[in-house]
Amino acid sequence: MRDKWSALPDDREVRRATAAAFLGVEPNTMAIWAVKGTGPAFTRTGATRGLCYYKMGDLRAFAKTRNKRSTKR
């Protein structure tokens, strides 16, 4: 992992833009993953249009599962 991220504890919650930067994707990609249910676990404030928060531990676990050794399916 990147050094600047290692200081953040697993239970630290970050907003979508920070989560996207950690994973090396665009925030819009995170939003698409959230809609499809294919991204990391998140919590949302408010009923429907609240802010999304991601725990660093969930982001680290998701990043590990995304590491692939081959493009073969």
Protein backbone atom coordinates (compact mmCIF):
# COMPACT_ATOMS: atom_id res chain seq x y z
CA MET A 1 0.00 0.00 0.00
CA ARG A 2 1.01 3.60 -0.33
CA ASP A 3 2.80 5.07 2.68
CA LYS A 4 0.49 8.06 3.09
CA TRP A 5 -2.46 5.69 3.54
CA SER A 6 -0.82 3.35 6.06
CA ALA A 7 -1.20 5.90 8.86
CA LEU A 8 -4.99 5.74 8.61
CA PRO A 9 -6.51 3.09 10.91
CA ASP A 10 -8.89 0.48 9.48
CA ASP A 11 -11.90 2.00 11.26
CA ARG A 12 -11.27 5.49 9.84
CA GLU A 13 -14.11 6.59 7.56
CA VAL A 14 -13.29 8.57 4.42
CA ARG A 15 -15.42 10.22 1.75
CA ARG A 16 -15.82 8.90 -1.78
CA ALA A 17 -13.15 11.13 -3.34
CA THR A 18 -10.54 9.96 -0.82
CA ALA A 19 -11.58 6.33 -1.26
CA ALA A 20 -11.26 6.71 -5.03
CA ALA A 21 -7.78 8.21 -4.70
CA PHE A 22 -6.74 5.31 -2.47
CA LEU A 23 -7.95 2.76 -5.03
CA GLY A 24 -6.59 4.72 -8.00
CA VAL A 25 -9.97 5.23 -9.69
CA GLU A 26 -12.25 8.17 -10.38
CA PRO A 27 -14.98 9.09 -7.85
CA ASN A 28 -17.53 8.42 -10.60
CA THR A 29 -16.28 4.83 -10.78
CA MET A 30 -16.94 4.49 -7.06
CA ALA A 31 -20.48 5.78 -7.61
CA ILE A 32 -21.08 3.26 -10.40
CA TRP A 33 -19.73 0.44 -8.25
CA ALA A 34 -22.05 1.53 -5.42
CA VAL A 35 -25.09 1.39 -7.71
CA LYS A 36 -24.09 -2.00 -9.12
CA GLY A 37 -23.08 -3.39 -5.73
CA THR A 38 -19.65 -4.38 -7.02
CA GLY A 39 -17.48 -1.99 -5.02
CA PRO A 40 -16.30 -1.84 -1.43
CA ALA A 41 -18.76 -1.68 1.45
CA PHE A 42 -19.92 1.82 2.37
CA THR A 43 -22.34 3.64 4.62
CA ARG A 44 -24.54 6.52 3.60
CA THR A 45 -25.73 9.44 5.69
CA GLY A 46 -29.35 10.38 5.15
CA ALA A 47 -32.08 8.40 3.46
CA THR A 48 -31.29 8.43 -0.25
CA ARG A 49 -28.92 11.20 -1.30
CA GLY A 50 -26.61 11.38 1.68
CA LEU A 51 -22.84 11.30 1.63
CA CYS A 52 -21.04 7.97 1.21
CA TYR A 53 -18.33 6.96 3.66
CA TYR A 54 -15.90 4.07 3.29
CA LYS A 55 -13.87 2.46 6.08
CA MET A 56 -10.18 2.16 5.30
CA GLY A 57 -10.20 -1.50 6.34
CA ASP A 58 -12.93 -2.23 3.79
CA LEU A 59 -10.97 -0.36 1.12
CA ARG A 60 -7.81 -2.32 1.90
CA ALA A 61 -9.70 -5.62 1.73
CA PHE A 62 -11.35 -4.62 -1.55
CA ALA A 63 -7.99 -3.60 -3.02
CA LYS A 64 -6.56 -7.04 -2.18
CA THR A 65 -9.43 -8.82 -3.94
CA ARG A 66 -8.97 -6.67 -7.06
CA ASN A 67 -5.36 -7.77 -7.57
CA LYS A 68 -5.40 -10.20 -10.48
CA ARG A 69 -2.61 -12.26 -11.90
CA SER A 70 -4.20 -12.78 -15.30
CA THR A 71 -6.85 -11.32 -17.56
CA LYS A 72 -8.03 -14.84 -18.33
CA ARG A 73 -11.53 -15.55 -16.98
